[in-house]
Amino acid sequence: MQQPRLAATAIVARPGLGGLELYLTRRNARSAFAPDAFVFPGGAVDSADFEAGVQTRVIGLDDARVSAAFRAEQSVELPSSEPAIDLASARALYVTALRELFEEAGILLMRSSKDEALDETVESDSSERAAVCNDARNFATILERRDAFADAGRLALFSHWITPPNENRRFNTHFFVATVDRERTGSADAAETHDGIWVAPDAALRRYADGALHLVYPTIKHLERVGGFANVYDLLAYTETKKTIPVTPEIRPGPTYALPPHFENTW
C-alpha cells in the first residue's frame, strides 16, 4: 500500500453576491491525479518548503501559532492511519499552501517589510510562476525581489483528509482557508491548471449535479460544508476556532466514497 504524500490545499474565499465565492481551477487533462476535475489550488509538499532559506520569507510560522492551529482530534468512527503532524511539517504545509496558491491560481498573499498588506494577482503567463514550479526555492527569491513576505497568518487550518488506501496516488492533505477582497481575481497557470473560476458553493454543486462541472469527492464535501456559511467573515471566524479530525473516506462498492451520516458536518 502506497504511503500518502504530505500535501496542502488553499480554499480561497471572497465576498460574492448574497454570500461567498470560492476559487477553483481545472486540472490538466493529462494529470495523473484527478484529470479535468475542478479543484482548489494545492499540491504536495516540496523539500524546499522545509528549508530555513525559504521560511525566512514567510511570516506567521511561530511555534505558538502553528501549534495552536494543528489541534487535531481523532475520531473513533474514522480512525486515522497517519501519525500526528510534527511542528516542522506543519510549518512546511503553510509554505506549500502559499506557494501552490501562487503557482496554480496566481494569488500571492504577502506583506511588505513595513508590514503592509500587498496581495497581488499574477497573470497566467508569468515566468515567475513557471520558475517556482521548476524549483520551489524560487518562491523565496520572488518574495525577496518584492521586498515582501508570504503571510501564513492569512491561512486558517480547516480540515485534514487522507486518500483511501485503494487509490494509486495517495495524499495526506491539509486544507487551509484564506479570504480575499471582492476585487481579487485569479489566474490559472495554463500548465498544471486551466479555466480558473470564482463560483458560489451551491452553484458549483448544481453544475456538478447537472454534469457541467467535474468534481472529486473531497471537493464536493468541502463545497457542501463551506456553502453553509453566509459570508466570508462567518467562515473565517468558524475556521479560526474549529478543531480538525483526520478524515479517510469509507470505500463503498462502485467504488464510491462516503462518510458516516452522523459525521457529515463534524469534521
Protein backbone atom coordinates (compact mmCIF):
# COMPACT_ATOMS: atom_id res chain seq x y z
CA MET A 1 0.00 0.00 0.00
CA GLN A 2 1.38 3.39 -1.02
CA GLN A 3 2.13 5.84 1.80
CA PRO A 4 0.25 9.15 1.41
CA ARG A 5 2.32 12.18 0.39
CA LEU A 6 2.05 15.24 2.60
CA ALA A 7 0.10 17.96 0.77
CA ALA A 8 -1.64 21.30 1.30
CA THR A 9 -4.68 22.91 -0.33
CA ALA A 10 -5.90 26.52 -0.20
CA ILE A 11 -9.64 27.23 -0.12
CA VAL A 12 -9.74 30.90 -1.11
CA ALA A 13 -12.99 32.76 -0.45
CA ARG A 14 -14.12 36.25 -1.41
CA PRO A 15 -17.41 38.11 -0.88
CA GLY A 16 -19.99 37.31 -3.53
CA LEU A 17 -23.49 38.46 -4.37
CA GLY A 18 -25.59 37.21 -1.50
CA GLY A 19 -22.84 35.10 0.06
CA LEU A 20 -19.32 34.00 -0.78
CA GLU A 21 -17.40 32.67 -3.77
CA LEU A 22 -14.55 30.16 -3.92
CA TYR A 23 -11.75 29.84 -6.46
CA LEU A 24 -11.50 26.57 -8.42
CA THR A 25 -9.21 25.57 -11.27
CA ARG A 26 -9.50 22.69 -13.73
CA ARG A 27 -6.63 20.22 -13.55
CA ASN A 28 -4.78 19.35 -16.73
CA ALA A 29 -6.43 16.52 -18.70
CA ARG A 30 -3.08 14.67 -18.67
CA SER A 31 -2.67 14.95 -14.91
CA ALA A 32 -2.06 11.67 -13.09
CA PHE A 33 -4.35 12.83 -10.29
CA ALA A 34 -7.96 13.97 -10.87
CA PRO A 35 -7.57 14.89 -14.57
CA ASP A 36 -10.03 17.56 -15.79
CA ALA A 37 -11.54 17.94 -12.31
CA PHE A 38 -12.16 21.38 -10.81
CA VAL A 39 -10.28 21.57 -7.51
CA PHE A 40 -8.94 24.07 -5.02
CA PRO A 41 -5.31 25.15 -5.61
CA GLY A 42 -2.86 22.85 -3.88
CA GLY A 43 -0.17 20.22 -4.18
CA ALA A 44 2.43 18.06 -2.48
CA VAL A 45 4.96 19.43 -0.03
CA ASP A 46 8.37 20.06 -1.60
CA SER A 47 11.61 19.53 0.32
CA ALA A 48 12.35 23.26 -0.17
CA ASP A 49 9.24 24.12 1.87
CA PHE A 50 11.11 22.86 4.96
CA GLU A 51 14.23 24.94 4.30
CA ALA A 52 15.13 27.89 6.51
CA GLY A 53 16.10 29.95 3.47
CA VAL A 54 12.55 29.70 2.15
CA GLN A 55 10.80 30.03 5.52
CA THR A 56 12.65 33.27 6.31
CA ARG A 57 10.43 34.86 3.63
CA VAL A 58 7.24 33.64 5.34
CA ILE A 59 5.70 35.29 8.40
CA GLY A 60 3.25 33.64 10.80
CA LEU A 61 5.21 30.42 11.36
CA ASP A 62 5.97 30.95 15.05
CA ASP A 63 5.70 27.86 17.25
CA ALA A 64 2.78 29.04 19.38
CA ARG A 65 0.57 29.91 16.42
CA VAL A 66 1.36 26.76 14.45
CA SER A 67 0.86 24.50 17.48
CA ALA A 68 -2.48 26.15 18.25
CA ALA A 69 -3.68 25.70 14.67
CA PHE A 70 -2.81 21.99 14.45
CA ARG A 71 -5.11 20.96 17.29
CA ALA A 72 -6.32 17.71 15.74
CA GLU A 73 -8.68 15.22 17.35
CA GLN A 74 -9.05 11.55 16.49
CA SER A 75 -12.43 10.08 15.60
CA VAL A 76 -13.47 6.62 16.80
CA GLU A 77 -15.65 6.23 13.68
CA LEU A 78 -12.86 7.20 11.25
CA PRO A 79 -9.52 6.27 12.81
CA SER A 80 -6.50 7.76 11.05
CA SER A 81 -3.67 5.67 9.67
CA GLU A 82 -1.31 8.67 9.76
CA PRO A 83 0.60 9.98 12.79
CA ALA A 84 0.05 13.48 14.10
CA ILE A 85 1.79 16.24 12.14
CA ASP A 86 5.01 17.43 13.76
CA LEU A 87 5.88 21.12 14.06
CA ALA A 88 8.39 21.13 11.19
CA SER A 89 5.90 19.51 8.82
CA ALA A 90 3.16 21.90 9.95
CA ARG A 91 5.33 24.89 9.04
CA ALA A 92 6.11 23.34 5.66
CA LEU A 93 2.40 22.82 5.00
CA TYR A 94 1.77 26.57 5.39
CA VAL A 95 4.58 27.31 2.94
CA THR A 96 3.20 24.74 0.48
CA ALA A 97 -0.29 26.23 0.60
CA LEU A 98 1.04 29.75 -0.05
CA ARG A 99 3.38 28.58 -2.81
CA GLU A 100 0.78 26.43 -4.59
CA LEU A 101 -1.76 29.26 -4.41
CA PHE A 102 0.76 31.45 -6.22
CA GLU A 103 1.72 28.75 -8.74
CA GLU A 104 -1.75 27.48 -9.64
CA ALA A 105 -4.00 30.50 -9.06
CA GLY A 106 -1.66 33.47 -9.39
CA ILE A 107 -2.72 34.76 -5.97
CA LEU A 108 0.15 35.92 -3.76
CA LEU A 109 -0.76 36.60 -0.13
CA MET A 110 2.02 38.75 1.25
CA ARG A 111 3.04 41.68 3.41
CA SER A 112 5.75 44.25 2.83
CA SER A 113 8.80 44.67 5.04
CA LYS A 114 6.83 47.59 6.54
CA ASP A 115 4.02 45.18 7.48
CA GLU A 116 1.63 46.46 4.80
CA ALA A 117 -0.75 44.08 3.03
CA LEU A 118 0.38 43.58 -0.57
CA ASP A 119 -1.95 40.97 -2.04
CA GLU A 120 -1.28 40.51 -5.73
CA THR A 121 -2.70 38.61 -8.68
CA VAL A 122 -0.13 37.47 -11.23
CA GLU A 123 -1.08 36.78 -14.85
CA SER A 124 -1.13 33.22 -16.18
CA ASP A 125 1.87 33.69 -18.47
CA SER A 126 4.11 34.88 -15.65
CA SER A 127 7.63 33.49 -15.90
CA GLU A 128 7.85 33.80 -12.11
CA ARG A 129 5.20 31.15 -11.61
CA ALA A 130 6.95 28.81 -14.02
CA ALA A 131 10.21 29.38 -12.15
CA VAL A 132 8.59 28.40 -8.84
CA CYS A 133 7.06 25.32 -10.45
CA ASN A 134 10.51 24.28 -11.65
CA ASP A 135 12.24 25.00 -8.34
CA ALA A 136 10.29 25.73 -5.15
CA ARG A 137 13.23 27.71 -3.75
CA ASN A 138 12.43 30.44 -6.27
CA PHE A 139 9.36 31.29 -4.20
CA ALA A 140 11.64 32.96 -1.64
CA THR A 141 13.58 34.74 -4.40
CA ILE A 142 10.38 36.23 -5.83
CA LEU A 143 9.27 37.46 -2.41
CA GLU A 144 12.69 38.97 -1.72
CA ARG A 145 12.56 40.77 -5.07
CA ARG A 146 9.29 42.36 -3.95
CA ASP A 147 10.73 43.21 -0.51
CA ALA A 148 7.84 41.15 0.85
CA PHE A 149 6.95 38.12 2.95
CA ALA A 150 4.35 35.46 2.27
CA ASP A 151 1.75 35.69 5.03
CA ALA A 152 0.93 32.37 6.71
CA GLY A 153 -1.19 34.36 9.15
CA ARG A 154 -3.75 34.65 6.37
CA LEU A 155 -4.25 30.87 6.35
CA ALA A 156 -6.51 29.12 8.84
CA LEU A 157 -6.42 25.32 9.01
CA PHE A 158 -9.86 23.94 8.15
CA SER A 159 -9.59 20.18 7.62
CA HIS A 160 -7.36 17.13 7.19
CA TRP A 161 -8.20 14.49 4.57
CA ILE A 162 -6.31 11.30 3.72
CA THR A 163 -6.78 9.45 0.42
CA PRO A 164 -8.21 5.92 0.93
CA PRO A 165 -5.76 3.03 0.50
CA ASN A 166 -7.37 1.74 -2.72
CA GLU A 167 -6.12 4.77 -4.69
CA ASN A 168 -2.87 4.58 -6.67
CA ARG A 169 -1.92 8.15 -5.74
CA ARG A 170 -2.48 8.97 -2.08
CA PHE A 171 -2.20 12.29 -0.26
CA ASN A 172 -2.22 13.34 3.37
CA THR A 173 -3.78 16.75 2.74
CA HIS A 174 -4.40 19.71 5.00
CA PHE A 175 -6.97 22.23 3.74
CA PHE A 176 -6.48 25.88 4.68
CA VAL A 177 -8.96 28.75 4.33
CA ALA A 178 -7.93 32.23 3.20
CA THR A 179 -10.17 35.21 2.50
CA VAL A 180 -9.50 37.98 -0.03
CA ASP A 181 -11.39 41.10 -1.07
CA ARG A 182 -14.07 41.20 -3.75
CA GLU A 183 -11.69 42.75 -6.31
CA ARG A 184 -9.21 39.87 -6.09
CA THR A 185 -9.09 37.89 -9.31
CA GLY A 186 -7.26 34.67 -10.08
CA SER A 187 -5.37 33.22 -13.00
CA ALA A 188 -4.83 29.53 -13.80
CA ASP A 189 -1.25 28.82 -14.82
CA ALA A 190 -2.25 27.23 -18.18
CA ALA A 191 0.08 24.28 -17.44
CA GLU A 192 -0.99 22.30 -14.37
CA THR A 193 -4.33 24.12 -14.18
CA HIS A 194 -6.80 25.74 -16.58
CA ASP A 195 -10.11 27.62 -16.56
CA GLY A 196 -9.94 29.28 -13.15
CA ILE A 197 -13.38 30.31 -11.88
CA TRP A 198 -14.89 32.07 -8.89
CA VAL A 199 -18.11 30.29 -8.02
CA ALA A 200 -20.58 30.13 -5.13
CA PRO A 201 -20.51 26.70 -3.44
CA ASP A 202 -24.18 25.94 -4.14
CA ALA A 203 -23.79 26.99 -7.78
CA ALA A 204 -20.78 24.67 -8.18
CA LEU A 205 -22.75 21.78 -6.69
CA ARG A 206 -25.72 22.44 -9.00
CA ARG A 207 -23.41 22.44 -12.03
CA TYR A 208 -21.91 19.16 -10.79
CA ALA A 209 -25.38 17.61 -10.43
CA ASP A 210 -26.19 18.73 -13.98
CA GLY A 211 -23.00 17.14 -15.31
CA ALA A 212 -21.49 20.51 -16.25
CA LEU A 213 -18.66 20.51 -13.69
CA HIS A 214 -16.36 17.59 -12.90
CA LEU A 215 -15.67 17.41 -9.16
CA VAL A 216 -13.97 14.82 -6.94
CA TYR A 217 -15.31 13.65 -3.59
CA PRO A 218 -13.19 15.82 -1.23
CA THR A 219 -14.02 18.95 -3.24
CA ILE A 220 -17.73 18.10 -3.16
CA LYS A 221 -17.71 17.65 0.62
CA HIS A 222 -15.82 20.91 1.20
CA LEU A 223 -18.22 22.81 -1.08
CA GLU A 224 -21.13 21.38 0.92
CA ARG A 225 -19.51 22.34 4.20
CA VAL A 226 -18.35 25.84 3.23
CA GLY A 227 -21.66 26.52 1.48
CA GLY A 228 -23.32 26.56 4.88
CA PHE A 229 -21.74 29.91 5.78
CA ALA A 230 -23.49 33.17 4.93
CA ASN A 231 -20.31 35.13 4.22
CA VAL A 232 -16.51 35.04 4.35
CA TYR A 233 -16.47 36.55 7.84
CA ASP A 234 -18.57 33.77 9.35
CA LEU A 235 -16.46 31.17 7.54
CA LEU A 236 -13.18 32.59 8.82
CA ALA A 237 -14.46 33.04 12.37
CA TYR A 238 -15.55 29.40 12.47
CA THR A 239 -12.31 28.16 10.91
CA GLU A 240 -10.20 30.01 13.48
CA THR A 241 -11.82 28.08 16.33
CA LYS A 242 -12.67 24.63 14.95
CA LYS A 243 -10.63 21.51 15.58
CA THR A 244 -9.67 19.19 12.76
CA ILE A 245 -10.44 15.49 12.67
CA PRO A 246 -8.41 13.36 10.21
CA VAL A 247 -10.80 12.04 7.55
CA THR A 248 -10.23 8.93 5.44
CA PRO A 249 -13.46 8.35 3.47
CA GLU A 250 -15.03 4.91 3.63
CA ILE A 251 -14.80 2.85 0.44
CA ARG A 252 -18.15 1.63 -0.88
CA PRO A 253 -18.93 -0.72 -3.79
CA GLY A 254 -18.61 1.02 -7.12
CA PRO A 255 -16.14 2.20 -5.98
CA THR A 256 -17.63 5.24 -4.32
CA TYR A 257 -16.81 7.03 -1.09
CA ALA A 258 -18.89 8.06 1.88
CA LEU A 259 -18.75 9.38 5.43
CA PRO A 260 -20.82 8.02 8.31
CA PRO A 261 -24.09 10.05 8.25
CA HIS A 262 -23.62 11.48 11.76
CA PHE A 263 -20.06 12.51 10.81
CA GLU A 264 -21.05 14.68 7.83
CA ASN A 265 -20.81 18.11 9.44
CA THR A 266 -18.49 17.44 12.35
CA TRP A 267 -15.09 17.11 10.66
